[in-house]
Amino acid sequence: MTERIALVAGATGLVGRSLVDILVHEQTYDRIRILVRQTVAHWQPYPQVEQIVTDYDHLEQQAGTWHATDVYCCLGTTIKKAGSQERMYQIDVTYPLRLAELARQQGAEHFLLISAMGADANSRIFYSRIKGELEQQLSRLGYPSLSIVQPSLLLGDREEFRPGERTAAVAARVLSPLLRGSLSKYKPIQATTVAQAMYRLALKRKAGVKVYSSHELQQLGSK
């Protein structure tokens, strides 16, 4: 029987941390490979977790260790943390795209990407535009299954403090009860819900390119 192996990039981020914890406890995968900048003590007790210390500027040097069936990409940053649009583009587009290319060469069958609500390659908004561009480029790589999730504002406890995002989250919680009907897609969503939804999408592995709205993620992750 063929091993089922998960590869997770961005494992220390808001969604990534929850996702790895889910994968560990669900025990669907024989092995869980996570790309990290330094070893994380939290996952060391789990024998099925293989932590691969990774330099994203030289991904090709480690691609031979990436054999996986399902690739979860949780990479992403903010313009403030990145320091420039060029650096943000590198983290949000160049790294995920190169990861997807190399993983596909190693036999990956399903790529699951955290994008964003409003992703549009033609958008005037830089963030939305680069997310849309990444989605377009990934769709050309020939993955049997490509699942793109587009969550609204993510809620959860980050290791890093993002004051603007914290303020938006508080406001969103207050306004959330008013977001009904066609506006319900704008409701904020818990990072743990997104992680659970991604795991369930991996189990289904629908053929072709599938895009999931925040509302759909809420339904999938809450079942």
N, C-alpha and C. Protein backbone atom coordinates (compact mmCIF):
# COMPACT_ATOMS: atom_id res chain seq x y z
N MET A 1 0.85 -1.20 0.00
CA MET A 1 0.00 0.00 0.00
C MET A 1 0.88 1.25 0.00
N THR A 2 0.58 2.20 -0.88
CA THR A 2 1.36 3.42 -1.00
C THR A 2 1.21 4.29 0.25
N GLU A 3 2.35 4.81 0.71
CA GLU A 3 2.31 5.71 1.86
C GLU A 3 1.57 7.00 1.50
N ARG A 4 0.86 7.52 2.47
CA ARG A 4 0.24 8.83 2.29
C ARG A 4 1.07 9.82 3.10
N ILE A 5 1.62 10.81 2.42
CA ILE A 5 2.54 11.75 3.05
C ILE A 5 2.06 13.17 2.84
N ALA A 6 2.09 13.96 3.91
CA ALA A 6 1.73 15.38 3.83
C ALA A 6 3.00 16.22 3.88
N LEU A 7 3.01 17.30 3.12
CA LEU A 7 4.08 18.28 3.18
C LEU A 7 3.43 19.62 3.50
N VAL A 8 3.90 20.27 4.57
CA VAL A 8 3.29 21.52 5.01
C VAL A 8 4.33 22.64 5.00
N ALA A 9 4.04 23.70 4.25
CA ALA A 9 4.88 24.91 4.25
C ALA A 9 4.14 26.00 5.00
N GLY A 10 4.86 26.75 5.82
CA GLY A 10 4.21 27.77 6.64
C GLY A 10 3.60 27.17 7.88
N ALA A 11 4.24 26.13 8.40
CA ALA A 11 3.69 25.37 9.53
C ALA A 11 3.67 26.14 10.84
N THR A 12 4.42 27.21 10.95
CA THR A 12 4.44 27.96 12.20
C THR A 12 3.51 29.18 12.16
N GLY A 13 2.79 29.35 11.06
CA GLY A 13 1.85 30.45 10.94
C GLY A 13 0.53 30.15 11.63
N LEU A 14 -0.39 31.08 11.54
CA LEU A 14 -1.66 30.99 12.25
C LEU A 14 -2.45 29.74 11.85
N VAL A 15 -2.61 29.51 10.55
CA VAL A 15 -3.33 28.33 10.08
C VAL A 15 -2.42 27.10 10.10
N GLY A 16 -1.18 27.28 9.72
CA GLY A 16 -0.25 26.16 9.64
C GLY A 16 -0.09 25.40 10.94
N ARG A 17 0.00 26.12 12.06
CA ARG A 17 0.15 25.45 13.36
C ARG A 17 -1.05 24.56 13.66
N SER A 18 -2.24 25.10 13.44
CA SER A 18 -3.45 24.32 13.68
C SER A 18 -3.53 23.13 12.75
N LEU A 19 -3.13 23.34 11.51
CA LEU A 19 -3.18 22.27 10.52
C LEU A 19 -2.30 21.09 10.91
N VAL A 20 -1.05 21.37 11.29
CA VAL A 20 -0.15 20.28 11.67
C VAL A 20 -0.68 19.53 12.88
N ASP A 21 -1.22 20.25 13.84
CA ASP A 21 -1.81 19.59 15.01
C ASP A 21 -2.96 18.67 14.61
N ILE A 22 -3.77 19.10 13.66
CA ILE A 22 -4.87 18.27 13.17
C ILE A 22 -4.32 17.02 12.48
N LEU A 23 -3.34 17.19 11.61
CA LEU A 23 -2.77 16.06 10.88
C LEU A 23 -2.16 15.04 11.83
N VAL A 24 -1.51 15.52 12.86
CA VAL A 24 -0.87 14.63 13.83
C VAL A 24 -1.91 13.77 14.55
N HIS A 25 -2.99 14.39 14.96
CA HIS A 25 -3.98 13.67 15.77
C HIS A 25 -4.97 12.86 14.94
N GLU A 26 -5.17 13.22 13.68
CA GLU A 26 -6.08 12.44 12.84
C GLU A 26 -5.45 11.14 12.36
N GLN A 27 -4.13 11.14 12.24
CA GLN A 27 -3.37 9.93 11.88
C GLN A 27 -3.75 9.37 10.51
N THR A 28 -4.13 10.26 9.60
CA THR A 28 -4.41 9.84 8.23
C THR A 28 -3.12 9.61 7.46
N TYR A 29 -2.10 10.38 7.80
CA TYR A 29 -0.84 10.32 7.07
C TYR A 29 0.19 9.44 7.76
N ASP A 30 0.92 8.70 6.95
CA ASP A 30 2.02 7.89 7.48
C ASP A 30 3.17 8.77 7.93
N ARG A 31 3.37 9.86 7.17
CA ARG A 31 4.42 10.82 7.52
C ARG A 31 3.92 12.24 7.26
N ILE A 32 4.40 13.15 8.08
CA ILE A 32 4.06 14.57 7.93
C ILE A 32 5.37 15.35 7.87
N ARG A 33 5.67 15.87 6.71
CA ARG A 33 6.90 16.64 6.54
C ARG A 33 6.57 18.13 6.61
N ILE A 34 7.24 18.84 7.49
CA ILE A 34 6.96 20.27 7.63
C ILE A 34 8.24 21.06 7.36
N LEU A 35 8.08 22.11 6.57
CA LEU A 35 9.22 22.97 6.24
C LEU A 35 9.27 24.10 7.26
N VAL A 36 10.37 24.18 7.98
CA VAL A 36 10.52 25.16 9.05
C VAL A 36 11.86 25.87 8.91
N ARG A 37 11.93 27.06 9.48
CA ARG A 37 13.21 27.79 9.46
C ARG A 37 14.11 27.32 10.60
N GLN A 38 13.50 26.81 11.67
CA GLN A 38 14.24 26.18 12.74
C GLN A 38 13.33 25.16 13.41
N THR A 39 13.92 24.14 14.01
CA THR A 39 13.16 23.05 14.61
C THR A 39 12.21 23.57 15.69
N VAL A 40 10.99 23.05 15.68
CA VAL A 40 9.96 23.45 16.64
C VAL A 40 9.79 22.34 17.68
N ALA A 41 10.02 22.67 18.94
CA ALA A 41 9.98 21.67 20.01
C ALA A 41 8.60 21.02 20.15
N HIS A 42 7.57 21.78 19.86
CA HIS A 42 6.19 21.30 20.04
C HIS A 42 5.92 20.00 19.31
N TRP A 43 6.54 19.81 18.14
CA TRP A 43 6.25 18.61 17.33
C TRP A 43 7.31 17.53 17.43
N GLN A 44 8.34 17.75 18.22
CA GLN A 44 9.41 16.75 18.33
C GLN A 44 8.96 15.41 18.91
N PRO A 45 7.97 15.38 19.82
CA PRO A 45 7.57 14.08 20.38
C PRO A 45 6.83 13.16 19.39
N TYR A 46 6.42 13.69 18.23
CA TYR A 46 5.62 12.90 17.30
C TYR A 46 6.52 12.24 16.25
N PRO A 47 6.62 10.92 16.27
CA PRO A 47 7.54 10.22 15.36
C PRO A 47 7.19 10.36 13.89
N GLN A 48 5.90 10.62 13.59
CA GLN A 48 5.51 10.74 12.18
C GLN A 48 5.82 12.11 11.59
N VAL A 49 6.24 13.05 12.45
CA VAL A 49 6.56 14.40 11.98
C VAL A 49 8.04 14.52 11.67
N GLU A 50 8.34 14.92 10.45
CA GLU A 50 9.72 15.15 10.02
C GLU A 50 9.89 16.64 9.75
N GLN A 51 10.70 17.30 10.55
CA GLN A 51 10.92 18.73 10.40
C GLN A 51 12.13 18.96 9.48
N ILE A 52 11.89 19.67 8.41
CA ILE A 52 12.95 19.94 7.43
C ILE A 52 13.31 21.42 7.51
N VAL A 53 14.47 21.72 8.06
CA VAL A 53 14.92 23.12 8.17
C VAL A 53 15.19 23.62 6.75
N THR A 54 14.49 24.68 6.38
CA THR A 54 14.42 25.09 4.98
C THR A 54 14.84 26.53 4.75
N ASP A 55 15.62 26.73 3.71
CA ASP A 55 15.96 28.05 3.22
C ASP A 55 15.15 28.25 1.94
N TYR A 56 14.13 29.08 2.00
CA TYR A 56 13.22 29.24 0.86
C TYR A 56 13.89 29.90 -0.34
N ASP A 57 15.05 30.50 -0.12
CA ASP A 57 15.77 31.09 -1.25
C ASP A 57 16.55 30.03 -2.03
N HIS A 58 16.65 28.83 -1.48
CA HIS A 58 17.38 27.74 -2.13
C HIS A 58 16.58 26.44 -2.02
N LEU A 59 15.33 26.51 -2.42
CA LEU A 59 14.45 25.35 -2.29
C LEU A 59 14.94 24.13 -3.08
N GLU A 60 15.58 24.38 -4.21
CA GLU A 60 16.02 23.28 -5.07
C GLU A 60 16.97 22.33 -4.36
N GLN A 61 17.74 22.86 -3.39
CA GLN A 61 18.74 22.05 -2.71
C GLN A 61 18.13 20.96 -1.84
N GLN A 62 16.85 21.11 -1.45
CA GLN A 62 16.23 20.14 -0.57
C GLN A 62 15.04 19.41 -1.20
N ALA A 63 14.75 19.73 -2.44
CA ALA A 63 13.54 19.20 -3.07
C ALA A 63 13.52 17.68 -3.12
N GLY A 64 14.68 17.05 -3.11
CA GLY A 64 14.73 15.59 -3.17
C GLY A 64 14.15 14.92 -1.94
N THR A 65 13.97 15.66 -0.86
CA THR A 65 13.43 15.08 0.38
C THR A 65 11.94 15.36 0.53
N TRP A 66 11.32 15.89 -0.52
CA TRP A 66 9.95 16.38 -0.41
C TRP A 66 8.88 15.45 -0.93
N HIS A 67 9.18 14.21 -1.18
CA HIS A 67 8.15 13.32 -1.74
C HIS A 67 6.92 13.35 -0.84
N ALA A 68 5.77 13.69 -1.43
CA ALA A 68 4.53 13.79 -0.67
C ALA A 68 3.35 13.59 -1.61
N THR A 69 2.23 13.18 -1.06
CA THR A 69 1.01 13.06 -1.86
C THR A 69 0.22 14.37 -1.82
N ASP A 70 0.13 14.99 -0.63
CA ASP A 70 -0.62 16.22 -0.46
C ASP A 70 0.30 17.33 0.05
N VAL A 71 0.25 18.48 -0.61
CA VAL A 71 1.07 19.62 -0.20
C VAL A 71 0.15 20.73 0.28
N TYR A 72 0.35 21.15 1.53
CA TYR A 72 -0.41 22.26 2.11
C TYR A 72 0.49 23.49 2.14
N CYS A 73 0.08 24.54 1.45
CA CYS A 73 0.88 25.77 1.43
C CYS A 73 0.19 26.85 2.24
N CYS A 74 0.78 27.19 3.38
CA CYS A 74 0.23 28.20 4.29
C CYS A 74 1.15 29.41 4.38
N LEU A 75 1.93 29.63 3.35
CA LEU A 75 2.88 30.75 3.35
C LEU A 75 2.16 32.08 3.11
N GLY A 76 2.68 33.12 3.73
CA GLY A 76 2.12 34.46 3.52
C GLY A 76 2.68 35.43 4.53
N THR A 77 2.67 36.72 4.18
CA THR A 77 3.21 37.73 5.07
C THR A 77 2.41 39.03 4.90
N THR A 78 2.86 40.08 5.53
CA THR A 78 2.26 41.40 5.38
C THR A 78 3.32 42.34 4.81
N ILE A 79 2.86 43.44 4.24
CA ILE A 79 3.81 44.39 3.67
C ILE A 79 4.70 44.98 4.76
N LYS A 80 4.15 45.16 5.96
CA LYS A 80 4.95 45.72 7.06
C LYS A 80 6.05 44.76 7.46
N LYS A 81 5.72 43.49 7.59
CA LYS A 81 6.73 42.52 8.00
C LYS A 81 7.75 42.26 6.89
N ALA A 82 7.27 42.22 5.65
CA ALA A 82 8.16 41.97 4.51
C ALA A 82 9.12 43.14 4.29
N GLY A 83 8.61 44.36 4.48
CA GLY A 83 9.46 45.54 4.33
C GLY A 83 9.36 46.21 2.98
N SER A 84 8.87 45.49 1.97
CA SER A 84 8.71 46.07 0.64
C SER A 84 7.77 45.20 -0.17
N GLN A 85 7.22 45.77 -1.24
CA GLN A 85 6.36 44.99 -2.12
C GLN A 85 7.15 43.87 -2.80
N GLU A 86 8.39 44.15 -3.14
CA GLU A 86 9.22 43.14 -3.80
C GLU A 86 9.42 41.92 -2.91
N ARG A 87 9.71 42.17 -1.64
CA ARG A 87 9.93 41.06 -0.71
C ARG A 87 8.63 40.31 -0.43
N MET A 88 7.53 41.05 -0.33
CA MET A 88 6.24 40.41 -0.11
C MET A 88 5.87 39.52 -1.30
N TYR A 89 6.14 40.00 -2.49
CA TYR A 89 5.87 39.20 -3.70
C TYR A 89 6.68 37.91 -3.67
N GLN A 90 7.91 38.02 -3.23
CA GLN A 90 8.77 36.84 -3.17
C GLN A 90 8.19 35.79 -2.22
N ILE A 91 7.73 36.23 -1.06
CA ILE A 91 7.20 35.31 -0.05
C ILE A 91 5.82 34.78 -0.43
N ASP A 92 4.98 35.64 -0.98
CA ASP A 92 3.59 35.26 -1.25
C ASP A 92 3.38 34.63 -2.63
N VAL A 93 4.30 34.84 -3.55
CA VAL A 93 4.14 34.28 -4.89
C VAL A 93 5.30 33.39 -5.31
N THR A 94 6.52 33.94 -5.27
CA THR A 94 7.67 33.18 -5.76
C THR A 94 7.89 31.88 -4.98
N TYR A 95 7.89 31.96 -3.66
CA TYR A 95 8.13 30.77 -2.85
C TYR A 95 7.05 29.70 -3.04
N PRO A 96 5.75 30.05 -2.92
CA PRO A 96 4.73 29.02 -3.11
C PRO A 96 4.76 28.40 -4.50
N LEU A 97 5.00 29.22 -5.51
CA LEU A 97 5.02 28.69 -6.88
C LEU A 97 6.18 27.73 -7.09
N ARG A 98 7.35 28.10 -6.57
CA ARG A 98 8.51 27.21 -6.73
C ARG A 98 8.31 25.93 -5.92
N LEU A 99 7.74 26.06 -4.74
CA LEU A 99 7.41 24.90 -3.92
C LEU A 99 6.50 23.95 -4.69
N ALA A 100 5.46 24.51 -5.31
CA ALA A 100 4.50 23.70 -6.05
C ALA A 100 5.17 23.00 -7.24
N GLU A 101 6.03 23.71 -7.93
CA GLU A 101 6.73 23.13 -9.08
C GLU A 101 7.60 21.95 -8.66
N LEU A 102 8.39 22.16 -7.61
CA LEU A 102 9.31 21.12 -7.16
C LEU A 102 8.57 19.92 -6.57
N ALA A 103 7.52 20.20 -5.81
CA ALA A 103 6.75 19.10 -5.21
C ALA A 103 6.07 18.27 -6.29
N ARG A 104 5.57 18.93 -7.33
CA ARG A 104 4.94 18.20 -8.44
C ARG A 104 5.95 17.29 -9.13
N GLN A 105 7.17 17.78 -9.28
CA GLN A 105 8.22 16.98 -9.88
C GLN A 105 8.53 15.74 -9.04
N GLN A 106 8.29 15.84 -7.73
CA GLN A 106 8.54 14.72 -6.82
C GLN A 106 7.30 13.81 -6.68
N GLY A 107 6.25 14.11 -7.44
CA GLY A 107 5.10 13.21 -7.46
C GLY A 107 3.87 13.66 -6.68
N ALA A 108 3.87 14.88 -6.15
CA ALA A 108 2.70 15.35 -5.41
C ALA A 108 1.47 15.38 -6.31
N GLU A 109 0.33 15.00 -5.75
CA GLU A 109 -0.91 14.89 -6.52
C GLU A 109 -1.93 15.98 -6.19
N HIS A 110 -1.82 16.55 -4.99
CA HIS A 110 -2.82 17.52 -4.54
C HIS A 110 -2.10 18.69 -3.87
N PHE A 111 -2.35 19.89 -4.36
CA PHE A 111 -1.77 21.10 -3.77
C PHE A 111 -2.90 21.92 -3.20
N LEU A 112 -2.78 22.27 -1.91
CA LEU A 112 -3.80 23.05 -1.22
C LEU A 112 -3.20 24.38 -0.81
N LEU A 113 -3.77 25.47 -1.27
CA LEU A 113 -3.21 26.80 -1.07
C LEU A 113 -4.15 27.69 -0.26
N ILE A 114 -3.58 28.40 0.72
CA ILE A 114 -4.33 29.46 1.37
C ILE A 114 -4.09 30.73 0.57
N SER A 115 -5.13 31.22 -0.09
CA SER A 115 -5.07 32.46 -0.83
C SER A 115 -5.80 33.52 -0.01
N ALA A 116 -6.68 34.27 -0.61
CA ALA A 116 -7.40 35.30 0.14
C ALA A 116 -8.68 35.69 -0.59
N MET A 117 -9.67 36.08 0.18
CA MET A 117 -10.89 36.61 -0.42
C MET A 117 -10.55 37.82 -1.28
N GLY A 118 -11.13 37.88 -2.47
CA GLY A 118 -10.89 39.01 -3.35
C GLY A 118 -9.66 38.87 -4.23
N ALA A 119 -9.02 37.69 -4.20
CA ALA A 119 -7.85 37.48 -5.05
C ALA A 119 -8.23 37.69 -6.51
N ASP A 120 -7.46 38.53 -7.21
CA ASP A 120 -7.79 38.88 -8.58
C ASP A 120 -6.53 39.42 -9.26
N ALA A 121 -6.07 38.71 -10.26
CA ALA A 121 -4.83 39.10 -10.93
C ALA A 121 -4.92 40.47 -11.59
N ASN A 122 -6.14 40.97 -11.79
CA ASN A 122 -6.32 42.28 -12.42
C ASN A 122 -6.66 43.39 -11.43
N SER A 123 -6.61 43.07 -10.16
CA SER A 123 -6.98 44.04 -9.13
C SER A 123 -5.96 45.19 -9.06
N ARG A 124 -6.45 46.35 -8.68
CA ARG A 124 -5.56 47.49 -8.45
C ARG A 124 -4.91 47.40 -7.07
N ILE A 125 -5.45 46.57 -6.23
CA ILE A 125 -4.91 46.39 -4.88
C ILE A 125 -3.77 45.38 -4.93
N PHE A 126 -2.60 45.76 -4.49
CA PHE A 126 -1.41 44.92 -4.62
C PHE A 126 -1.62 43.54 -4.01
N TYR A 127 -2.14 43.48 -2.78
CA TYR A 127 -2.31 42.21 -2.09
C TYR A 127 -3.24 41.28 -2.88
N SER A 128 -4.38 41.79 -3.30
CA SER A 128 -5.34 40.99 -4.06
C SER A 128 -4.76 40.56 -5.40
N ARG A 129 -3.99 41.46 -6.02
CA ARG A 129 -3.42 41.17 -7.33
C ARG A 129 -2.40 40.03 -7.28
N ILE A 130 -1.51 40.04 -6.29
CA ILE A 130 -0.49 39.00 -6.25
C ILE A 130 -1.10 37.65 -5.85
N LYS A 131 -2.13 37.67 -5.03
CA LYS A 131 -2.81 36.41 -4.69
C LYS A 131 -3.48 35.83 -5.93
N GLY A 132 -4.10 36.70 -6.73
CA GLY A 132 -4.74 36.25 -7.96
C GLY A 132 -3.72 35.74 -8.97
N GLU A 133 -2.59 36.40 -9.04
CA GLU A 133 -1.53 35.97 -9.96
C GLU A 133 -1.02 34.58 -9.58
N LEU A 134 -0.84 34.36 -8.28
CA LEU A 134 -0.37 33.05 -7.83
C LEU A 134 -1.38 31.97 -8.19
N GLU A 135 -2.65 32.24 -7.97
CA GLU A 135 -3.68 31.26 -8.30
C GLU A 135 -3.62 30.90 -9.79
N GLN A 136 -3.47 31.90 -10.64
CA GLN A 136 -3.39 31.66 -12.08
C GLN A 136 -2.19 30.78 -12.44
N GLN A 137 -1.04 31.11 -11.88
CA GLN A 137 0.16 30.37 -12.22
C GLN A 137 0.12 28.93 -11.70
N LEU A 138 -0.44 28.74 -10.52
CA LEU A 138 -0.56 27.38 -9.98
C LEU A 138 -1.46 26.52 -10.85
N SER A 139 -2.50 27.12 -11.40
CA SER A 139 -3.46 26.35 -12.20
C SER A 139 -2.85 25.81 -13.48
N ARG A 140 -1.66 26.31 -13.84
CA ARG A 140 -1.00 25.87 -15.07
C ARG A 140 0.02 24.75 -14.85
N LEU A 141 0.18 24.33 -13.60
CA LEU A 141 1.23 23.35 -13.29
C LEU A 141 0.81 21.90 -13.51
N GLY A 142 -0.45 21.67 -13.78
CA GLY A 142 -0.88 20.31 -14.09
C GLY A 142 -1.13 19.40 -12.91
N TYR A 143 -1.43 19.98 -11.75
CA TYR A 143 -1.76 19.13 -10.60
C TYR A 143 -3.09 18.42 -10.86
N PRO A 144 -3.17 17.13 -10.56
CA PRO A 144 -4.46 16.43 -10.69
C PRO A 144 -5.54 17.10 -9.83
N SER A 145 -5.12 17.62 -8.67
CA SER A 145 -6.04 18.32 -7.77
C SER A 145 -5.37 19.58 -7.25
N LEU A 146 -6.06 20.71 -7.40
CA LEU A 146 -5.58 21.98 -6.86
C LEU A 146 -6.74 22.61 -6.10
N SER A 147 -6.59 22.74 -4.79
CA SER A 147 -7.63 23.32 -3.95
C SER A 147 -7.16 24.68 -3.45
N ILE A 148 -7.88 25.72 -3.82
CA ILE A 148 -7.54 27.09 -3.43
C ILE A 148 -8.59 27.57 -2.42
N VAL A 149 -8.14 27.89 -1.23
CA VAL A 149 -9.08 28.38 -0.21
C VAL A 149 -8.91 29.88 -0.06
N GLN A 150 -10.03 30.59 0.00
CA GLN A 150 -10.02 32.05 0.06
C GLN A 150 -10.74 32.53 1.33
N PRO A 151 -10.09 32.44 2.47
CA PRO A 151 -10.74 32.87 3.71
C PRO A 151 -10.86 34.39 3.81
N SER A 152 -11.82 34.83 4.59
CA SER A 152 -11.92 36.25 4.92
C SER A 152 -10.92 36.52 6.05
N LEU A 153 -11.16 37.52 6.85
CA LEU A 153 -10.24 37.85 7.94
C LEU A 153 -10.06 36.68 8.88
N LEU A 154 -8.82 36.29 9.11
CA LEU A 154 -8.51 35.15 9.97
C LEU A 154 -8.47 35.57 11.43
N LEU A 155 -9.11 34.78 12.28
CA LEU A 155 -9.09 35.00 13.72
C LEU A 155 -8.26 33.92 14.40
N GLY A 156 -7.55 34.32 15.46
CA GLY A 156 -6.72 33.36 16.18
C GLY A 156 -5.59 34.09 16.87
N ASP A 157 -4.84 33.36 17.66
CA ASP A 157 -3.73 33.96 18.41
C ASP A 157 -2.43 33.78 17.65
N ARG A 158 -1.93 34.87 17.12
CA ARG A 158 -0.65 34.82 16.41
C ARG A 158 0.51 34.97 17.38
N GLU A 159 1.66 34.40 16.99
CA GLU A 159 2.86 34.60 17.78
C GLU A 159 3.35 36.04 17.61
N GLU A 160 3.13 36.61 16.43
CA GLU A 160 3.53 37.99 16.18
C GLU A 160 2.34 38.91 16.38
N PHE A 161 2.60 40.12 16.82
CA PHE A 161 1.53 41.09 17.06
C PHE A 161 1.32 41.94 15.82
N ARG A 162 0.08 41.96 15.32
CA ARG A 162 -0.27 42.78 14.17
C ARG A 162 -1.38 43.72 14.59
N PRO A 163 -1.04 44.94 15.01
CA PRO A 163 -2.05 45.87 15.56
C PRO A 163 -3.20 46.16 14.62
N GLY A 164 -2.91 46.37 13.33
CA GLY A 164 -3.98 46.66 12.38
C GLY A 164 -4.94 45.49 12.25
N GLU A 165 -4.39 44.30 12.19
CA GLU A 165 -5.20 43.10 12.06
C GLU A 165 -6.01 42.86 13.33
N ARG A 166 -5.41 43.15 14.49
CA ARG A 166 -6.11 42.98 15.77
C ARG A 166 -7.32 43.92 15.83
N THR A 167 -7.13 45.16 15.41
CA THR A 167 -8.23 46.13 15.40
C THR A 167 -9.34 45.69 14.46
N ALA A 168 -8.96 45.20 13.29
CA ALA A 168 -9.93 44.74 12.31
C ALA A 168 -10.71 43.54 12.83
N ALA A 169 -10.02 42.66 13.56
CA ALA A 169 -10.67 41.47 14.10
C ALA A 169 -11.72 41.84 15.14
N VAL A 170 -11.40 42.82 15.99
CA VAL A 170 -12.36 43.27 17.00
C VAL A 170 -13.58 43.88 16.33
N ALA A 171 -13.35 44.72 15.34
CA ALA A 171 -14.46 45.35 14.62
C ALA A 171 -15.30 44.31 13.91
N ALA A 172 -14.64 43.30 13.33
CA ALA A 172 -15.35 42.27 12.59
C ALA A 172 -16.25 41.45 13.51
N ARG A 173 -15.78 41.19 14.72
CA ARG A 173 -16.59 40.43 15.67
C ARG A 173 -17.87 41.20 16.03
N VAL A 174 -17.72 42.50 16.17
CA VAL A 174 -18.87 43.33 16.52
C VAL A 174 -19.88 43.36 15.37
N LEU A 175 -19.37 43.45 14.14
CA LEU A 175 -20.24 43.58 12.98
C LEU A 175 -20.74 42.23 12.45
N SER A 176 -20.11 41.16 12.86
CA SER A 176 -20.41 39.83 12.32
C SER A 176 -21.90 39.47 12.35
N PRO A 177 -22.62 39.74 13.45
CA PRO A 177 -24.05 39.40 13.48
C PRO A 177 -24.87 40.11 12.41
N LEU A 178 -24.34 41.23 11.89
CA LEU A 178 -25.06 41.99 10.87
C LEU A 178 -24.79 41.49 9.46
N LEU A 179 -23.77 40.62 9.34
CA LEU A 179 -23.38 40.13 8.01
C LEU A 179 -24.20 38.88 7.68
N ARG A 180 -25.31 39.10 7.02
CA ARG A 180 -26.21 38.00 6.69
C ARG A 180 -26.44 37.94 5.19
N GLY A 181 -27.02 36.83 4.75
CA GLY A 181 -27.32 36.68 3.33
C GLY A 181 -26.08 36.79 2.48
N SER A 182 -26.11 37.66 1.47
CA SER A 182 -24.97 37.80 0.56
C SER A 182 -23.74 38.39 1.24
N LEU A 183 -23.94 39.00 2.42
CA LEU A 183 -22.82 39.60 3.15
C LEU A 183 -22.13 38.61 4.08
N SER A 184 -22.70 37.41 4.23
CA SER A 184 -22.16 36.44 5.18
C SER A 184 -20.74 36.00 4.82
N LYS A 185 -20.39 36.11 3.53
CA LYS A 185 -19.05 35.69 3.10
C LYS A 185 -17.96 36.57 3.70
N TYR A 186 -18.34 37.76 4.20
CA TYR A 186 -17.35 38.67 4.78
C TYR A 186 -17.11 38.42 6.27
N LYS A 187 -17.84 37.49 6.86
CA LYS A 187 -17.65 37.21 8.28
C LYS A 187 -16.23 36.69 8.52
N PRO A 188 -15.59 37.12 9.60
CA PRO A 188 -14.27 36.59 9.92
C PRO A 188 -14.36 35.10 10.21
N ILE A 189 -13.26 34.41 10.07
CA ILE A 189 -13.25 32.96 10.24
C ILE A 189 -12.06 32.54 11.10
N GLN A 190 -12.28 31.60 11.98
CA GLN A 190 -11.21 31.10 12.84
C GLN A 190 -10.17 30.34 12.01
N ALA A 191 -8.90 30.55 12.32
CA ALA A 191 -7.83 29.85 11.62
C ALA A 191 -7.96 28.33 11.78
N THR A 192 -8.41 27.90 12.95
CA THR A 192 -8.59 26.46 13.17
C THR A 192 -9.67 25.89 12.25
N THR A 193 -10.69 26.69 11.94
CA THR A 193 -11.74 26.25 11.02
C THR A 193 -11.19 26.09 9.61
N VAL A 194 -10.36 27.03 9.18
CA VAL A 194 -9.73 26.95 7.87
C VAL A 194 -8.83 25.71 7.79
N ALA A 195 -8.07 25.46 8.84
CA ALA A 195 -7.19 24.29 8.87
C ALA A 195 -7.99 23.00 8.77
N GLN A 196 -9.08 22.92 9.52
CA GLN A 196 -9.92 21.72 9.48
C GLN A 196 -10.54 21.54 8.09
N ALA A 197 -10.95 22.63 7.47
CA ALA A 197 -11.52 22.57 6.13
C ALA A 197 -10.48 22.07 5.12
N MET A 198 -9.25 22.54 5.22
CA MET A 198 -8.20 22.10 4.31
C MET A 198 -7.94 20.61 4.45
N TYR A 199 -7.93 20.14 5.67
CA TYR A 199 -7.72 18.70 5.90
C TYR A 199 -8.83 17.89 5.24
N ARG A 200 -10.07 18.34 5.39
CA ARG A 200 -11.19 17.62 4.80
C ARG A 200 -11.17 17.68 3.27
N LEU A 201 -10.70 18.79 2.73
CA LEU A 201 -10.56 18.89 1.28
C LEU A 201 -9.50 17.91 0.77
N ALA A 202 -8.45 17.71 1.56
CA ALA A 202 -7.42 16.76 1.18
C ALA A 202 -7.97 15.34 1.13
N LEU A 203 -8.85 15.02 2.05
CA LEU A 203 -9.46 13.70 2.08
C LEU A 203 -10.34 13.48 0.84
N LYS A 204 -11.02 14.53 0.41
CA LYS A 204 -11.92 14.42 -0.76
C LYS A 204 -11.13 14.39 -2.06
N ARG A 205 -10.10 15.21 -2.13
CA ARG A 205 -9.22 15.32 -3.30
C ARG A 205 -10.01 15.35 -4.60
N LYS A 206 -10.78 16.41 -4.78
CA LYS A 206 -11.55 16.55 -6.01
C LYS A 206 -10.63 16.91 -7.18
N ALA A 207 -10.91 16.33 -8.33
CA ALA A 207 -10.07 16.55 -9.50
C ALA A 207 -10.24 17.96 -10.05
N GLY A 208 -9.15 18.49 -10.61
CA GLY A 208 -9.19 19.80 -11.23
C GLY A 208 -8.92 20.93 -10.25
N VAL A 209 -9.15 22.15 -10.71
CA VAL A 209 -8.93 23.34 -9.90
C VAL A 209 -10.24 23.72 -9.22
N LYS A 210 -10.23 23.76 -7.90
CA LYS A 210 -11.42 24.10 -7.13
C LYS A 210 -11.09 25.28 -6.21
N VAL A 211 -11.99 26.27 -6.19
CA VAL A 211 -11.82 27.44 -5.34
C VAL A 211 -12.93 27.45 -4.30
N TYR A 212 -12.55 27.66 -3.04
CA TYR A 212 -13.50 27.60 -1.94
C TYR A 212 -13.59 28.94 -1.22
N SER A 213 -14.79 29.47 -1.14
CA SER A 213 -15.01 30.74 -0.48
C SER A 213 -14.93 30.58 1.04
N SER A 214 -14.87 31.71 1.73
CA SER A 214 -14.80 31.68 3.18
C SER A 214 -16.06 31.03 3.77
N HIS A 215 -17.20 31.29 3.15
CA HIS A 215 -18.46 30.70 3.61
C HIS A 215 -18.41 29.18 3.49
N GLU A 216 -17.86 28.69 2.38
CA GLU A 216 -17.74 27.24 2.19
C GLU A 216 -16.76 26.64 3.20
N LEU A 217 -15.70 27.37 3.48
CA LEU A 217 -14.71 26.89 4.46
C LEU A 217 -15.35 26.80 5.84
N GLN A 218 -16.18 27.77 6.16
CA GLN A 218 -16.87 27.75 7.45
C GLN A 218 -17.73 26.49 7.57
N GLN A 219 -18.42 26.13 6.52
CA GLN A 219 -19.26 24.95 6.53
C GLN A 219 -18.42 23.68 6.60
N LEU A 220 -17.37 23.62 5.81
CA LEU A 220 -16.51 22.43 5.79
C LEU A 220 -15.79 22.21 7.11
N GLY A 221 -15.29 23.31 7.68
CA GLY A 221 -14.50 23.21 8.90
C GLY A 221 -15.31 23.05 10.15
N SER A 222 -16.62 23.25 10.06
CA SER A 222 -17.45 23.16 11.25
C SER A 222 -18.19 21.84 11.36
N LYS A 223 -18.10 21.00 10.33
CA LYS A 223 -18.83 19.72 10.34
C LYS A 223 -18.25 18.77 11.37
